[in-house]
Structure formats: structure tokens, C-alpha cells
Amino acid sequence: LAVSVAGPSARAVQSDDRVPTTVLFQG
């Protein structure tokens, strides 16, 4: 990916109020 990878344990829990986002997985 050529990106900096941070696993889930390294991510801070965030609480942001934003507009709804729908993510659809197809396959």
C-alpha cells in the first residue's frame, strides 16, 4: 500500500458527530 500502517490497537477511539456515511460491500 505504500502507506503508514497502524493496527486497530494503535488507533485512538474517536467520538465525532458527522453526517451518516453508508459503506456498501459488493462481491
PDB file of all heavy atoms in Angstrom:
ATOM      1  N   LEU A   1       0.801  -1.216   0.000  1.00  0.00           N
ATOM      2  CA  LEU A   1       0.000   0.000   0.000  1.00  0.00           C
ATOM      3  C   LEU A   1       0.832   1.263   0.000  1.00  0.00           C
ATOM      4  O   LEU A   1       0.331   2.335  -0.306  1.00  0.00           O
ATOM      5  CB  LEU A   1      -0.914   0.008   1.234  1.00  0.00           C
ATOM      6  CG  LEU A   1      -1.823  -1.205   1.369  1.00  0.00           C
ATOM      7  CD1 LEU A   1      -2.606  -1.122   2.659  1.00  0.00           C
ATOM      8  CD2 LEU A   1      -2.760  -1.280   0.183  1.00  0.00           C
ATOM      9  N   ALA A   2       2.088   1.159   0.400  1.00  0.00           N
ATOM     10  CA  ALA A   2       2.965   2.319   0.490  1.00  0.00           C
ATOM     11  C   ALA A   2       2.366   3.396   1.390  1.00  0.00           C
ATOM     12  O   ALA A   2       2.375   4.580   1.078  1.00  0.00           O
ATOM     13  CB  ALA A   2       3.280   2.891  -0.893  1.00  0.00           C
ATOM     14  N   VAL A   3       1.804   2.943   2.494  1.00  0.00           N
ATOM     15  CA  VAL A   3       1.260   3.877   3.466  1.00  0.00           C
ATOM     16  C   VAL A   3       1.767   3.473   4.832  1.00  0.00           C
ATOM     17  O   VAL A   3       2.250   2.369   5.039  1.00  0.00           O
ATOM     18  CB  VAL A   3      -0.285   3.867   3.483  1.00  0.00           C
ATOM     19  CG1 VAL A   3      -0.832   4.315   2.163  1.00  0.00           C
ATOM     20  CG2 VAL A   3      -0.817   2.495   3.846  1.00  0.00           C
ATOM     21  N   SER A   4       1.648   4.373   5.803  1.00  0.00           N
ATOM     22  CA  SER A   4       1.999   4.052   7.176  1.00  0.00           C
ATOM     23  C   SER A   4       0.873   3.239   7.776  1.00  0.00           C
ATOM     24  O   SER A   4      -0.276   3.658   7.753  1.00  0.00           O
ATOM     25  CB  SER A   4       2.204   5.335   7.979  1.00  0.00           C
ATOM     26  OG  SER A   4       2.432   5.036   9.333  1.00  0.00           O
ATOM     27  N   VAL A   5       1.185   2.060   8.320  1.00  0.00           N
ATOM     28  CA  VAL A   5       0.170   1.156   8.825  1.00  0.00           C
ATOM     29  C   VAL A   5       0.120   1.242  10.337  1.00  0.00           C
ATOM     30  O   VAL A   5       1.134   1.110  11.014  1.00  0.00           O
ATOM     31  CB  VAL A   5       0.464  -0.293   8.401  1.00  0.00           C
ATOM     32  CG1 VAL A   5      -0.542  -1.235   9.019  1.00  0.00           C
ATOM     33  CG2 VAL A   5       0.433  -0.400   6.891  1.00  0.00           C
ATOM     34  N   ALA A   6      -1.078   1.456  10.861  1.00  0.00           N
ATOM     35  CA  ALA A   6      -1.285   1.425  12.303  1.00  0.00           C
ATOM     36  C   ALA A   6      -2.439   0.502  12.571  1.00  0.00           C
ATOM     37  O   ALA A   6      -3.534   0.709  12.073  1.00  0.00           O
ATOM     38  CB  ALA A   6      -1.596   2.824  12.835  1.00  0.00           C
ATOM     39  N   GLY A   7      -2.205  -0.557  13.304  1.00  0.00           N
ATOM     40  CA  GLY A   7      -3.247  -1.534  13.568  1.00  0.00           C
ATOM     41  C   GLY A   7      -4.303  -0.979  14.491  1.00  0.00           C
ATOM     42  O   GLY A   7      -4.136   0.083  15.095  1.00  0.00           O
ATOM     43  N   PRO A   8      -5.418  -1.687  14.623  1.00  0.00           N
ATOM     44  CA  PRO A   8      -6.518  -1.208  15.443  1.00  0.00           C
ATOM     45  C   PRO A   8      -6.121  -0.872  16.867  1.00  0.00           C
ATOM     46  O   PRO A   8      -6.624   0.072  17.444  1.00  0.00           O
ATOM     47  CB  PRO A   8      -7.499  -2.392  15.404  1.00  0.00           C
ATOM     48  CG  PRO A   8      -7.212  -3.069  14.101  1.00  0.00           C
ATOM     49  CD  PRO A   8      -5.726  -2.933  13.919  1.00  0.00           C
ATOM     50  N   SER A   9      -5.188  -1.636  17.451  1.00  0.00           N
ATOM     51  CA  SER A   9      -4.804  -1.375  18.826  1.00  0.00           C
ATOM     52  C   SER A   9      -4.067  -0.059  18.978  1.00  0.00           C
ATOM     53  O   SER A   9      -3.950   0.473  20.081  1.00  0.00           O
ATOM     54  CB  SER A   9      -3.918  -2.515  19.343  1.00  0.00           C
ATOM     55  OG  SER A   9      -2.738  -2.607  18.582  1.00  0.00           O
ATOM     56  N   ALA A  10      -3.552   0.476  17.865  1.00  0.00           N
ATOM     57  CA  ALA A  10      -2.793   1.719  17.931  1.00  0.00           C
ATOM     58  C   ALA A  10      -3.651   2.937  17.660  1.00  0.00           C
ATOM     59  O   ALA A  10      -3.182   4.062  17.750  1.00  0.00           O
ATOM     60  CB  ALA A  10      -1.638   1.676  16.923  1.00  0.00           C
ATOM     61  N   ARG A  11      -4.895   2.725  17.306  1.00  0.00           N
ATOM     62  CA  ARG A  11      -5.769   3.836  16.965  1.00  0.00           C
ATOM     63  C   ARG A  11      -6.510   4.321  18.202  1.00  0.00           C
ATOM     64  O   ARG A  11      -6.988   3.541  18.993  1.00  0.00           O
ATOM     65  CB  ARG A  11      -6.802   3.405  15.916  1.00  0.00           C
ATOM     66  CG  ARG A  11      -6.198   2.921  14.604  1.00  0.00           C
ATOM     67  CD  ARG A  11      -7.303   2.303  13.778  1.00  0.00           C
ATOM     68  NE  ARG A  11      -6.775   1.707  12.558  1.00  0.00           N
ATOM     69  CZ  ARG A  11      -6.861   2.278  11.375  1.00  0.00           C
ATOM     70  NH1 ARG A  11      -7.411   3.447  11.246  1.00  0.00           N
ATOM     71  NH2 ARG A  11      -6.383   1.666  10.307  1.00  0.00           N
ATOM     72  N   ALA A  12      -6.644   5.630  18.322  1.00  0.00           N
ATOM     73  CA  ALA A  12      -7.401   6.190  19.446  1.00  0.00           C
ATOM     74  C   ALA A  12      -8.888   6.145  19.131  1.00  0.00           C
ATOM     75  O   ALA A  12      -9.302   6.372  17.999  1.00  0.00           O
ATOM     76  CB  ALA A  12      -6.970   7.640  19.693  1.00  0.00           C
ATOM     77  N   VAL A  13      -9.701   5.825  20.134  1.00  0.00           N
ATOM     78  CA  VAL A  13     -11.145   5.847  19.948  1.00  0.00           C
ATOM     79  C   VAL A  13     -11.593   7.282  19.749  1.00  0.00           C
ATOM     80  O   VAL A  13     -11.219   8.175  20.500  1.00  0.00           O
ATOM     81  CB  VAL A  13     -11.859   5.236  21.164  1.00  0.00           C
ATOM     82  CG1 VAL A  13     -13.366   5.426  21.045  1.00  0.00           C
ATOM     83  CG2 VAL A  13     -11.519   3.768  21.288  1.00  0.00           C
ATOM     84  N   GLN A  14     -12.357   7.518  18.712  1.00  0.00           N
ATOM     85  CA  GLN A  14     -12.807   8.861  18.383  1.00  0.00           C
ATOM     86  C   GLN A  14     -14.316   8.938  18.511  1.00  0.00           C
ATOM     87  O   GLN A  14     -15.022   7.985  18.247  1.00  0.00           O
ATOM     88  CB  GLN A  14     -12.396   9.231  16.952  1.00  0.00           C
ATOM     89  CG  GLN A  14     -10.885   9.176  16.733  1.00  0.00           C
ATOM     90  CD  GLN A  14     -10.514   9.443  15.302  1.00  0.00           C
ATOM     91  OE1 GLN A  14     -11.320   9.958  14.531  1.00  0.00           O
ATOM     92  NE2 GLN A  14      -9.300   9.108  14.927  1.00  0.00           N
ATOM     93  N   SER A  15     -14.798  10.098  18.926  1.00  0.00           N
ATOM     94  CA  SER A  15     -16.231  10.325  19.058  1.00  0.00           C
ATOM     95  C   SER A  15     -16.583  11.581  18.285  1.00  0.00           C
ATOM     96  O   SER A  15     -16.558  12.689  18.828  1.00  0.00           O
ATOM     97  CB  SER A  15     -16.618  10.481  20.532  1.00  0.00           C
ATOM     98  OG  SER A  15     -16.324   9.315  21.239  1.00  0.00           O
ATOM     99  N   ASP A  16     -16.851  11.436  16.996  1.00  0.00           N
ATOM    100  CA  ASP A  16     -17.121  12.608  16.192  1.00  0.00           C
ATOM    101  C   ASP A  16     -18.554  12.581  15.675  1.00  0.00           C
ATOM    102  O   ASP A  16     -19.049  11.555  15.240  1.00  0.00           O
ATOM    103  CB  ASP A  16     -16.142  12.731  15.019  1.00  0.00           C
ATOM    104  CG  ASP A  16     -15.933  11.427  14.274  1.00  0.00           C
ATOM    105  OD1 ASP A  16     -16.554  10.421  14.644  1.00  0.00           O
ATOM    106  OD2 ASP A  16     -15.159  11.438  13.321  1.00  0.00           O
ATOM    107  N   ASP A  17     -19.204  13.727  15.730  1.00  0.00           N
ATOM    108  CA  ASP A  17     -20.566  13.851  15.222  1.00  0.00           C
ATOM    109  C   ASP A  17     -20.489  14.299  13.767  1.00  0.00           C
ATOM    110  O   ASP A  17     -20.231  15.474  13.490  1.00  0.00           O
ATOM    111  CB  ASP A  17     -21.337  14.877  16.054  1.00  0.00           C
ATOM    112  CG  ASP A  17     -21.543  14.384  17.472  1.00  0.00           C
ATOM    113  OD1 ASP A  17     -22.130  13.303  17.620  1.00  0.00           O
ATOM    114  OD2 ASP A  17     -21.106  15.073  18.404  1.00  0.00           O
ATOM    115  N   ARG A  18     -20.726  13.387  12.846  1.00  0.00           N
ATOM    116  CA  ARG A  18     -20.661  13.724  11.436  1.00  0.00           C
ATOM    117  C   ARG A  18     -21.894  13.188  10.734  1.00  0.00           C
ATOM    118  O   ARG A  18     -22.668  12.425  11.300  1.00  0.00           O
ATOM    119  CB  ARG A  18     -19.401  13.151  10.814  1.00  0.00           C
ATOM    120  CG  ARG A  18     -18.117  13.610  11.504  1.00  0.00           C
ATOM    121  CD  ARG A  18     -16.984  13.696  10.555  1.00  0.00           C
ATOM    122  NE  ARG A  18     -15.765  14.121  11.218  1.00  0.00           N
ATOM    123  CZ  ARG A  18     -14.594  14.200  10.599  1.00  0.00           C
ATOM    124  NH1 ARG A  18     -14.487  13.836   9.340  1.00  0.00           N
ATOM    125  NH2 ARG A  18     -13.537  14.607  11.241  1.00  0.00           N
ATOM    126  N   VAL A  19     -22.051  13.584   9.497  1.00  0.00           N
ATOM    127  CA  VAL A  19     -23.206  13.123   8.738  1.00  0.00           C
ATOM    128  C   VAL A  19     -23.097  11.610   8.529  1.00  0.00           C
ATOM    129  O   VAL A  19     -21.996  11.064   8.513  1.00  0.00           O
ATOM    130  CB  VAL A  19     -23.287  13.845   7.375  1.00  0.00           C
ATOM    131  CG1 VAL A  19     -23.491  15.327   7.584  1.00  0.00           C
ATOM    132  CG2 VAL A  19     -22.019  13.601   6.561  1.00  0.00           C
ATOM    133  N   PRO A  20     -24.218  10.929   8.388  1.00  0.00           N
ATOM    134  CA  PRO A  20     -24.168   9.482   8.186  1.00  0.00           C
ATOM    135  C   PRO A  20     -23.391   9.110   6.928  1.00  0.00           C
ATOM    136  O   PRO A  20     -23.452   9.811   5.915  1.00  0.00           O
ATOM    137  CB  PRO A  20     -25.647   9.101   8.058  1.00  0.00           C
ATOM    138  CG  PRO A  20     -26.392  10.207   8.701  1.00  0.00           C
ATOM    139  CD  PRO A  20     -25.581  11.445   8.453  1.00  0.00           C
ATOM    140  N   THR A  21     -22.656   8.035   7.007  1.00  0.00           N
ATOM    141  CA  THR A  21     -21.926   7.504   5.860  1.00  0.00           C
ATOM    142  C   THR A  21     -22.294   6.041   5.697  1.00  0.00           C
ATOM    143  O   THR A  21     -22.130   5.247   6.632  1.00  0.00           O
ATOM    144  CB  THR A  21     -20.402   7.634   6.048  1.00  0.00           C
ATOM    145  OG1 THR A  21     -20.040   9.013   6.117  1.00  0.00           O
ATOM    146  CG2 THR A  21     -19.656   6.969   4.891  1.00  0.00           C
ATOM    147  N   THR A  22     -22.809   5.692   4.529  1.00  0.00           N
ATOM    148  CA  THR A  22     -23.166   4.305   4.237  1.00  0.00           C
ATOM    149  C   THR A  22     -22.062   3.662   3.424  1.00  0.00           C
ATOM    150  O   THR A  22     -21.704   4.146   2.335  1.00  0.00           O
ATOM    151  CB  THR A  22     -24.495   4.233   3.468  1.00  0.00           C
ATOM    152  OG1 THR A  22     -25.538   4.761   4.283  1.00  0.00           O
ATOM    153  CG2 THR A  22     -24.819   2.791   3.098  1.00  0.00           C
ATOM    154  N   VAL A  23     -21.520   2.564   3.933  1.00  0.00           N
ATOM    155  CA  VAL A  23     -20.471   1.810   3.259  1.00  0.00           C
ATOM    156  C   VAL A  23     -21.085   0.498   2.787  1.00  0.00           C
ATOM    157  O   VAL A  23     -21.615  -0.276   3.592  1.00  0.00           O
ATOM    158  CB  VAL A  23     -19.284   1.524   4.196  1.00  0.00           C
ATOM    159  CG1 VAL A  23     -18.192   0.745   3.462  1.00  0.00           C
ATOM    160  CG2 VAL A  23     -18.728   2.831   4.764  1.00  0.00           C
ATOM    161  N   LEU A  24     -21.008   0.241   1.493  1.00  0.00           N
ATOM    162  CA  LEU A  24     -21.590  -0.970   0.917  1.00  0.00           C
ATOM    163  C   LEU A  24     -20.488  -1.864   0.361  1.00  0.00           C
ATOM    164  O   LEU A  24     -19.675  -1.429  -0.461  1.00  0.00           O
ATOM    165  CB  LEU A  24     -22.559  -0.604  -0.210  1.00  0.00           C
ATOM    166  CG  LEU A  24     -23.106  -1.770  -1.035  1.00  0.00           C
ATOM    167  CD1 LEU A  24     -23.908  -2.724  -0.170  1.00  0.00           C
ATOM    168  CD2 LEU A  24     -23.948  -1.247  -2.199  1.00  0.00           C
ATOM    169  N   PHE A  25     -20.477  -3.114   0.799  1.00  0.00           N
ATOM    170  CA  PHE A  25     -19.550  -4.114   0.275  1.00  0.00           C
ATOM    171  C   PHE A  25     -20.284  -4.970  -0.749  1.00  0.00           C
ATOM    172  O   PHE A  25     -21.346  -5.537  -0.464  1.00  0.00           O
ATOM    173  CB  PHE A  25     -19.026  -5.000   1.402  1.00  0.00           C
ATOM    174  CG  PHE A  25     -18.219  -4.262   2.433  1.00  0.00           C
ATOM    175  CD1 PHE A  25     -18.784  -3.911   3.644  1.00  0.00           C
ATOM    176  CD2 PHE A  25     -16.898  -3.911   2.190  1.00  0.00           C
ATOM    177  CE1 PHE A  25     -18.055  -3.231   4.611  1.00  0.00           C
ATOM    178  CE2 PHE A  25     -16.152  -3.224   3.134  1.00  0.00           C
ATOM    179  CZ  PHE A  25     -16.733  -2.881   4.350  1.00  0.00           C
ATOM    180  N   GLN A  26     -19.709  -5.071  -1.937  1.00  0.00           N
ATOM    181  CA  GLN A  26     -20.264  -5.889  -3.013  1.00  0.00           C
ATOM    182  C   GLN A  26     -19.234  -6.907  -3.459  1.00  0.00           C
ATOM    183  O   GLN A  26     -18.027  -6.653  -3.419  1.00  0.00           O
ATOM    184  CB  GLN A  26     -20.661  -5.018  -4.206  1.00  0.00           C
ATOM    185  CG  GLN A  26     -22.079  -4.533  -4.187  1.00  0.00           C
ATOM    186  CD  GLN A  26     -23.087  -5.667  -4.343  1.00  0.00           C
ATOM    187  OE1 GLN A  26     -22.738  -6.850  -4.369  1.00  0.00           O
ATOM    188  NE2 GLN A  26     -24.351  -5.312  -4.431  1.00  0.00           N
ATOM    189  N   GLY A  27     -19.722  -8.072  -3.916  1.00  0.00           N
ATOM    190  CA  GLY A  27     -18.792  -9.068  -4.409  1.00  0.00           C
ATOM    191  C   GLY A  27     -19.403 -10.447  -4.478  1.00  0.00           C
ATOM    192  O   GLY A  27     -20.624 -10.608  -4.573  1.00  0.00           O
TER     193      GLY A  27
END
